[in-house]
Protein backbone atom coordinates (compact mmCIF):
# COMPACT_ATOMS: atom_id res chain seq x y z
CA MET A 1 -90.82 -137.42 69.28
CA THR A 2 -93.71 -136.16 67.19
CA GLU A 3 -93.99 -132.66 65.83
CA ASP A 4 -96.51 -131.63 68.49
CA ASP A 5 -94.25 -132.87 71.29
CA ARG A 6 -91.41 -130.56 70.32
CA PRO A 7 -90.29 -128.28 73.08
CA VAL A 8 -91.01 -124.62 72.57
CA SER A 9 -89.14 -121.68 73.90
CA ARG A 10 -90.84 -119.06 75.98
CA ALA A 11 -89.16 -116.37 73.89
CA HIS A 12 -91.77 -114.54 71.88
CA ALA A 13 -91.09 -114.14 68.18
CA GLY A 14 -90.13 -110.72 66.89
CA VAL A 15 -91.82 -108.61 64.27
CA VAL A 16 -89.36 -109.36 61.45
CA THR A 17 -89.68 -113.13 61.77
CA ARG A 18 -93.45 -112.85 61.99
CA LEU A 19 -93.63 -110.56 58.95
CA LEU A 20 -91.51 -112.98 56.91
CA ALA A 21 -93.80 -115.85 57.92
CA ALA A 22 -96.83 -113.74 56.98
CA CYS A 23 -95.33 -113.06 53.54
CA VAL A 24 -94.82 -116.78 52.95
CA ASP A 25 -98.38 -117.45 54.12
CA ALA A 26 -99.71 -114.73 51.80
CA ALA A 27 -97.92 -116.41 48.88
CA VAL A 28 -99.49 -119.76 49.85
CA VAL A 29 -102.96 -118.17 50.00
CA VAL A 30 -102.48 -116.61 46.56
CA ALA A 31 -101.28 -119.95 45.14
CA VAL A 32 -104.29 -121.77 46.60
CA THR A 33 -106.65 -119.11 45.27
CA VAL A 34 -105.14 -119.30 41.77
CA SER A 35 -105.42 -123.10 41.93
CA LEU A 36 -109.09 -122.80 42.85
CA ASP A 37 -109.62 -120.44 39.92
CA LEU A 38 -107.92 -122.88 37.55
CA ALA A 39 -109.97 -125.76 38.95
CA ALA A 40 -113.19 -123.78 38.43
CA ALA A 41 -112.15 -123.02 34.86
CA GLY A 42 -111.32 -126.68 34.28
CA ILE A 43 -114.70 -127.83 35.60
CA ARG A 44 -116.44 -125.23 33.47
CA PHE A 45 -114.51 -126.41 30.41
CA VAL A 46 -115.34 -130.08 31.04
CA TRP A 47 -119.00 -129.21 31.58
CA SER A 48 -119.34 -127.19 28.39
CA PRO A 49 -116.26 -127.21 26.12
CA VAL A 50 -117.99 -125.56 23.18
CA GLY A 51 -119.31 -122.56 25.08
CA PHE A 52 -116.28 -122.21 27.37
CA ARG A 53 -115.33 -118.75 28.54
CA TRP A 54 -112.76 -118.00 31.20
CA PRO A 55 -114.51 -117.15 34.51
CA ARG A 56 -114.31 -113.45 35.34
CA PRO A 57 -115.53 -112.90 38.88
CA SER A 58 -116.21 -109.38 40.03
CA PRO A 59 -113.50 -107.76 42.15
CA GLY A 60 -115.70 -108.09 45.25
CA VAL A 61 -116.11 -111.83 44.74
CA ALA A 62 -112.38 -112.26 44.07
CA VAL A 63 -111.44 -110.40 47.26
CA ALA A 64 -114.02 -112.37 49.27
CA VAL A 65 -112.61 -115.67 47.98
CA VAL A 66 -109.04 -114.64 48.89
CA LEU A 67 -110.15 -113.61 52.39
CA VAL A 68 -112.09 -116.85 52.95
CA VAL A 69 -109.14 -118.93 51.74
CA ALA A 70 -106.84 -116.99 54.09
CA VAL A 71 -109.14 -117.53 57.10
CA VAL A 72 -109.52 -121.25 56.36
CA TYR A 73 -105.76 -121.68 55.78
CA LEU A 74 -104.80 -119.92 59.01
CA THR A 75 -107.49 -121.66 61.06
CA VAL A 76 -106.54 -125.13 59.86
CA GLY A 77 -102.82 -124.51 60.33
CA TRP A 78 -103.07 -123.08 63.83
CA SER A 79 -105.68 -125.50 65.14
CA ILE A 80 -104.13 -128.70 63.78
CA ALA A 81 -100.37 -128.11 63.78
CA GLY A 82 -99.95 -124.91 65.78
CA HIS A 83 -98.35 -123.19 62.82
CA THR A 84 -98.83 -122.39 59.17
CA TYR A 85 -96.36 -123.19 56.41
CA GLY A 86 -94.64 -119.82 56.78
CA ALA A 87 -94.40 -120.18 60.55
CA ARG A 88 -93.03 -123.70 60.13
CA LEU A 89 -90.30 -122.46 57.80
CA LEU A 90 -89.24 -119.83 60.32
CA GLY A 91 -89.61 -122.03 63.40
CA LEU A 92 -92.64 -120.34 64.96
CA ARG A 93 -95.60 -121.75 66.83
CA VAL A 94 -98.85 -120.14 67.96
CA LEU A 95 -99.90 -121.05 71.51
CA THR A 96 -102.32 -119.81 74.15
CA GLY A 97 -101.08 -117.42 76.82
CA ARG A 98 -100.43 -120.47 79.00
CA TYR A 99 -98.25 -122.04 76.29
CA LEU A 100 -100.82 -124.69 75.35
CA PRO A 101 -102.03 -125.60 71.84
CA VAL A 102 -104.58 -123.23 70.34
CA GLY A 103 -108.02 -124.78 69.82
CA LEU A 104 -110.30 -124.54 66.80
CA VAL A 105 -112.45 -121.66 68.06
CA ARG A 106 -109.54 -119.48 69.11
CA SER A 107 -107.74 -120.29 65.85
CA LEU A 108 -110.80 -119.24 63.86
CA LEU A 109 -111.19 -115.99 65.81
CA ARG A 110 -107.46 -115.24 65.50
CA ALA A 111 -107.56 -115.93 61.76
CA ILE A 112 -110.54 -113.59 61.29
CA VAL A 113 -108.85 -110.82 63.29
CA CYS A 114 -105.52 -111.31 61.46
CA VAL A 115 -107.18 -111.17 58.04
CA ALA A 116 -109.44 -108.24 58.93
CA PHE A 117 -106.73 -106.21 60.67
CA PRO A 118 -103.28 -107.36 59.47
CA VAL A 119 -101.62 -104.12 60.60
CA GLY A 120 -102.08 -105.30 64.19
CA LEU A 121 -99.06 -107.55 63.64
CA LEU A 122 -96.81 -104.48 63.65
CA TRP A 123 -97.63 -103.91 67.32
CA SER A 124 -95.28 -106.80 68.12
CA GLY A 125 -92.40 -104.54 67.06
CA ILE A 126 -93.40 -101.91 69.62
CA SER A 127 -94.64 -104.12 72.46
CA ALA A 128 -92.18 -105.04 75.20
CA THR A 129 -93.65 -108.56 75.27
CA ARG A 130 -93.54 -108.88 71.44
CA ARG A 131 -97.26 -109.53 71.26
CA SER A 132 -99.36 -108.29 68.37
CA LEU A 133 -102.78 -106.74 68.89
CA GLN A 134 -104.31 -110.08 67.84
CA ASP A 135 -102.27 -111.82 70.55
CA ILE A 136 -103.35 -109.32 73.19
CA VAL A 137 -107.05 -109.52 72.30
CA LEU A 138 -107.18 -113.32 71.98
CA ARG A 139 -104.57 -114.17 74.65
CA THR A 140 -102.16 -115.98 72.36
CA VAL A 141 -98.40 -115.90 71.91
CA VAL A 142 -96.10 -116.69 69.02
CA VAL A 143 -92.92 -118.39 70.19
CA TYR A 144 -89.86 -119.95 68.63
CA GLU A 145 -89.75 -123.74 68.39
CA LEU A 146 -86.63 -125.31 69.77
CA ARG A 147 -84.91 -127.41 67.14
CA GLU A 148 -83.21 -130.64 68.00
CA THR A 149 -79.48 -130.48 67.59
CA VAL A 150 -78.26 -133.25 65.39
CA GLU A 151 -74.67 -134.31 65.70
CA ILE A 152 -73.13 -135.11 62.36
CA ARG A 153 -69.90 -137.04 62.39
CA VAL A 154 -67.69 -136.49 59.41
CA PRO A 155 -65.22 -139.32 58.85
CA ARG A 156 -61.58 -138.38 58.58
CA PRO A 157 -59.93 -138.95 55.24
CA ARG A 158 -58.03 -142.22 54.96
CA ARG A 159 -54.27 -141.98 54.81
CA SER A 160 -51.63 -144.38 53.66
CA VAL A 161 -49.50 -145.99 56.33
CA GLY A 162 -46.33 -144.04 55.54
CA GLU A 163 -47.95 -140.78 54.44
CA ASP A 164 -47.45 -137.67 56.54
CA ARG A 165 -50.43 -135.58 57.43
CA PRO A 166 -50.25 -132.10 55.92
CA SER A 167 -51.24 -130.48 59.19
CA THR A 168 -48.24 -131.98 61.00
CA ALA A 169 -45.75 -131.57 58.18
CA GLN A 170 -43.27 -128.72 58.22
CA PRO A 171 -43.58 -126.00 55.57
CA SER A 172 -40.37 -127.17 53.93
CA THR A 173 -41.78 -130.71 53.67
CA LEU A 174 -44.97 -129.39 52.08
CA LEU A 175 -42.95 -127.31 49.64
CA SER A 176 -40.83 -130.30 48.64
CA LEU A 177 -44.00 -132.42 48.18
CA PHE A 178 -45.45 -129.69 45.96
CA TRP A 179 -42.31 -129.42 43.82
CA SER A 180 -41.96 -133.19 43.48
CA SER A 181 -45.60 -133.54 42.41
CA TRP A 182 -45.20 -130.59 40.02
CA ALA A 183 -42.10 -132.18 38.49
CA THR A 184 -43.92 -135.44 37.82
CA ILE A 185 -46.82 -133.62 36.16
CA GLY A 186 -44.68 -131.30 34.02
């Protein structure tokens, strides 16, 4: 079963889970933006090591770069995988209102609306259907992914042939085993 074939629940994700995913995604966007800044500085240094000065973009340019990185990150995540890194960590998936994968255009529009109006996410805490304003406008839903249950078998500890199991032994037998082992140690 591939990642895209995973079953999804029809239960819409709540505001707390979505806010936590958004915080993780914000951290990823900041990390990517800092990496881009370091890469630009590295290219500038390689190009002219003698006259190197650390790039100092204006606040407007810095904010624009962060917003563009956020829109690209969200668009790519939602259109390709159906979730971003933060949503993946918390088991969320973005789908259309008919529970189908979100396409590139709708992902781009949703990313622009989410970046331009992030407060709209809080509406999912008030809404009876747990849909944010972005979900209502663009006809999307954020649902929980169903995880596969994996059965893990833990082998029982090996016992000697004549050894009693502690769970079946009487308290007096356990006490005598303790005192005999204590006597051999001391």
